[in-house]
Amino acid sequence: MQKIKLEAENDLEKRCKNLKEQNEALISGLDLANETISNLYGLLREYRQQKEKLLKQNTKLLAIYTVIIIAHIITAIINQSYRNSLMFYFLSVVSIVYGIDLCSQKFKKR
């Protein structure tokens, strides 16, 4: 009877030890998974910031190309008598819009 009780206790200790090791392995795996998720979230945030930066750059390039095309159309199509004054007004409007855009960006940063 004593022998059976001792064997049962030893078996129970082994099972508890195995369960403890498995539990520690699971906790370690969860910690690694949590760290991986945090790293992926950081990469996603960085990707989003780069994407927004590229979108802003592309928008600025599109605006610059539009200004160049309109200026080219003004110089190519319009008669000489109207060309200089129209070009002056057009570039004045572009400069004012650009200045307003710069001011609004400064206020957004605050």
C-alpha atoms as a PDB file:
ATOM      1  CA  MET A   1       0.000   0.000   0.000  1.00  0.00           C
ATOM      2  CA  GLN A   2       2.831   2.329   0.945  1.00  0.00           C
ATOM      3  CA  LYS A   3       4.600   1.532  -2.309  1.00  0.00           C
ATOM      4  CA  ILE A   4       1.527   2.326  -4.406  1.00  0.00           C
ATOM      5  CA  LYS A   5       1.048   5.620  -2.573  1.00  0.00           C
ATOM      6  CA  LEU A   6       4.706   6.555  -3.162  1.00  0.00           C
ATOM      7  CA  GLU A   7       4.455   5.690  -6.870  1.00  0.00           C
ATOM      8  CA  ALA A   8       1.278   7.771  -7.182  1.00  0.00           C
ATOM      9  CA  GLU A   9       2.969  10.744  -5.510  1.00  0.00           C
ATOM     10  CA  ASN A  10       6.019  10.414  -7.795  1.00  0.00           C
ATOM     11  CA  ASP A  11       3.768  10.153 -10.839  1.00  0.00           C
ATOM     12  CA  LEU A  12       1.819  13.187  -9.672  1.00  0.00           C
ATOM     13  CA  GLU A  13       5.049  15.167  -9.165  1.00  0.00           C
ATOM     14  CA  LYS A  14       6.258  14.271 -12.671  1.00  0.00           C
ATOM     15  CA  ARG A  15       2.935  15.344 -14.177  1.00  0.00           C
ATOM     16  CA  CYS A  16       2.993  18.622 -12.240  1.00  0.00           C
ATOM     17  CA  LYS A  17       6.565  19.251 -13.350  1.00  0.00           C
ATOM     18  CA  ASN A  18       5.647  18.547 -16.988  1.00  0.00           C
ATOM     19  CA  LEU A  19       2.604  20.822 -16.736  1.00  0.00           C
ATOM     20  CA  LYS A  20       4.728  23.554 -15.192  1.00  0.00           C
ATOM     21  CA  GLU A  21       7.276  23.292 -18.038  1.00  0.00           C
ATOM     22  CA  GLN A  22       4.506  23.359 -20.642  1.00  0.00           C
ATOM     23  CA  ASN A  23       2.929  26.354 -18.933  1.00  0.00           C
ATOM     24  CA  GLU A  24       6.267  28.224 -18.902  1.00  0.00           C
ATOM     25  CA  ALA A  25       6.778  27.391 -22.588  1.00  0.00           C
ATOM     26  CA  LEU A  26       3.297  28.720 -23.397  1.00  0.00           C
ATOM     27  CA  ILE A  27       3.944  31.918 -21.438  1.00  0.00           C
ATOM     28  CA  SER A  28       7.263  32.371 -23.239  1.00  0.00           C
ATOM     29  CA  GLY A  29       5.520  31.825 -26.583  1.00  0.00           C
ATOM     30  CA  LEU A  30       2.865  34.385 -25.683  1.00  0.00           C
ATOM     31  CA  ASP A  31       5.529  36.911 -24.729  1.00  0.00           C
ATOM     32  CA  LEU A  32       7.262  36.373 -28.078  1.00  0.00           C
ATOM     33  CA  ALA A  33       3.943  36.682 -29.920  1.00  0.00           C
ATOM     34  CA  ASN A  34       3.172  39.920 -28.061  1.00  0.00           C
ATOM     35  CA  GLU A  35       6.606  41.313 -28.952  1.00  0.00           C
ATOM     36  CA  THR A  36       6.111  40.310 -32.593  1.00  0.00           C
ATOM     37  CA  ILE A  37       2.717  42.029 -32.685  1.00  0.00           C
ATOM     38  CA  SER A  38       4.242  45.176 -31.196  1.00  0.00           C
ATOM     39  CA  ASN A  39       7.008  45.131 -33.828  1.00  0.00           C
ATOM     40  CA  LEU A  40       4.482  44.629 -36.616  1.00  0.00           C
ATOM     41  CA  TYR A  41       2.365  47.507 -35.290  1.00  0.00           C
ATOM     42  CA  GLY A  42       5.451  49.738 -35.283  1.00  0.00           C
ATOM     43  CA  LEU A  43       6.264  48.739 -38.862  1.00  0.00           C
ATOM     44  CA  LEU A  44       2.675  49.413 -39.909  1.00  0.00           C
ATOM     45  CA  ARG A  45       2.762  52.865 -38.301  1.00  0.00           C
ATOM     46  CA  GLU A  46       6.074  53.639 -40.076  1.00  0.00           C
ATOM     47  CA  TYR A  47       4.648  52.377 -43.393  1.00  0.00           C
ATOM     48  CA  ARG A  48       1.586  54.611 -42.975  1.00  0.00           C
ATOM     49  CA  GLN A  49       3.782  57.650 -42.270  1.00  0.00           C
ATOM     50  CA  GLN A  50       5.926  56.951 -45.349  1.00  0.00           C
ATOM     51  CA  LYS A  51       2.796  56.473 -47.447  1.00  0.00           C
ATOM     52  CA  GLU A  52       1.380  59.829 -46.283  1.00  0.00           C
ATOM     53  CA  LYS A  53       4.711  61.526 -46.996  1.00  0.00           C
ATOM     54  CA  LEU A  54       4.796  60.080 -50.538  1.00  0.00           C
ATOM     55  CA  LEU A  55       1.200  61.137 -51.113  1.00  0.00           C
ATOM     56  CA  LYS A  56       2.038  64.710 -50.097  1.00  0.00           C
ATOM     57  CA  GLN A  57       5.096  64.714 -52.381  1.00  0.00           C
ATOM     58  CA  ASN A  58       3.042  63.377 -55.294  1.00  0.00           C
ATOM     59  CA  THR A  59       0.366  66.020 -54.685  1.00  0.00           C
ATOM     60  CA  LYS A  60       3.003  68.767 -54.712  1.00  0.00           C
ATOM     61  CA  LEU A  61       4.523  67.390 -57.934  1.00  0.00           C
ATOM     62  CA  LEU A  62       1.097  67.286 -59.541  1.00  0.00           C
ATOM     63  CA  ALA A  63       0.485  70.907 -58.546  1.00  0.00           C
ATOM     64  CA  ILE A  64       3.873  71.977 -59.931  1.00  0.00           C
ATOM     65  CA  TYR A  65       3.273  70.160 -63.232  1.00  0.00           C
ATOM     66  CA  THR A  66      -0.187  71.728 -63.490  1.00  0.00           C
ATOM     67  CA  VAL A  67       1.282  75.212 -63.013  1.00  0.00           C
ATOM     68  CA  ILE A  68       3.949  74.520 -65.652  1.00  0.00           C
ATOM     69  CA  ILE A  69       1.381  73.213 -68.144  1.00  0.00           C
ATOM     70  CA  ILE A  70      -0.944  76.194 -67.641  1.00  0.00           C
ATOM     71  CA  ALA A  71       1.980  78.615 -67.977  1.00  0.00           C
ATOM     72  CA  HIS A  72       3.040  76.840 -71.175  1.00  0.00           C
ATOM     73  CA  ILE A  73      -0.501  77.058 -72.550  1.00  0.00           C
ATOM     74  CA  ILE A  74      -0.620  80.776 -71.732  1.00  0.00           C
ATOM     75  CA  THR A  75       2.684  81.423 -73.496  1.00  0.00           C
ATOM     76  CA  ALA A  76       1.854  79.229 -76.497  1.00  0.00           C
ATOM     77  CA  ILE A  77      -1.724  80.200 -77.273  1.00  0.00           C
ATOM     78  CA  ILE A  78      -2.427  83.724 -76.064  1.00  0.00           C
ATOM     79  CA  ASN A  79      -1.457  86.774 -78.132  1.00  0.00           C
ATOM     80  CA  GLN A  80       1.594  88.767 -77.117  1.00  0.00           C
ATOM     81  CA  SER A  81      -0.446  91.766 -75.983  1.00  0.00           C
ATOM     82  CA  TYR A  82      -2.318  89.772 -73.333  1.00  0.00           C
ATOM     83  CA  ARG A  83       0.381  87.237 -72.539  1.00  0.00           C
ATOM     84  CA  ASN A  84       2.476  89.281 -70.103  1.00  0.00           C
ATOM     85  CA  SER A  85      -0.437  90.570 -68.030  1.00  0.00           C
ATOM     86  CA  LEU A  86      -2.175  87.174 -67.976  1.00  0.00           C
ATOM     87  CA  MET A  87       1.065  85.469 -66.988  1.00  0.00           C
ATOM     88  CA  PHE A  88       1.568  88.035 -64.216  1.00  0.00           C
ATOM     89  CA  TYR A  89      -1.942  87.459 -62.826  1.00  0.00           C
ATOM     90  CA  PHE A  90      -1.622  83.702 -63.095  1.00  0.00           C
ATOM     91  CA  LEU A  91       1.720  83.591 -61.303  1.00  0.00           C
ATOM     92  CA  SER A  92       0.400  86.028 -58.681  1.00  0.00           C
ATOM     93  CA  VAL A  93      -2.537  83.731 -57.951  1.00  0.00           C
ATOM     94  CA  VAL A  94      -0.227  80.708 -57.795  1.00  0.00           C
ATOM     95  CA  SER A  95       2.078  82.541 -55.381  1.00  0.00           C
ATOM     96  CA  ILE A  96      -0.820  83.586 -53.150  1.00  0.00           C
ATOM     97  CA  VAL A  97      -2.232  80.055 -53.054  1.00  0.00           C
ATOM     98  CA  TYR A  98       1.208  78.656 -52.266  1.00  0.00           C
ATOM     99  CA  GLY A  99       1.658  81.209 -49.464  1.00  0.00           C
ATOM    100  CA  ILE A 100      -1.741  80.361 -47.988  1.00  0.00           C
ATOM    101  CA  ASP A 101      -0.857  76.659 -48.142  1.00  0.00           C
ATOM    102  CA  LEU A 102       2.422  77.254 -46.303  1.00  0.00           C
ATOM    103  CA  CYS A 103       0.673  79.312 -43.616  1.00  0.00           C
ATOM    104  CA  SER A 104      -2.044  76.691 -43.138  1.00  0.00           C
ATOM    105  CA  GLN A 105       0.602  73.959 -42.771  1.00  0.00           C
ATOM    106  CA  LYS A 106       2.373  75.986 -40.068  1.00  0.00           C
ATOM    107  CA  PHE A 107      -0.891  76.456 -38.164  1.00  0.00           C
ATOM    108  CA  LYS A 108      -1.725  72.738 -38.456  1.00  0.00           C
ATOM    109  CA  LYS A 109       1.607  71.815 -36.866  1.00  0.00           C
ATOM    110  CA  ARG A 110       0.824  73.931 -33.787  1.00  0.00           C
END
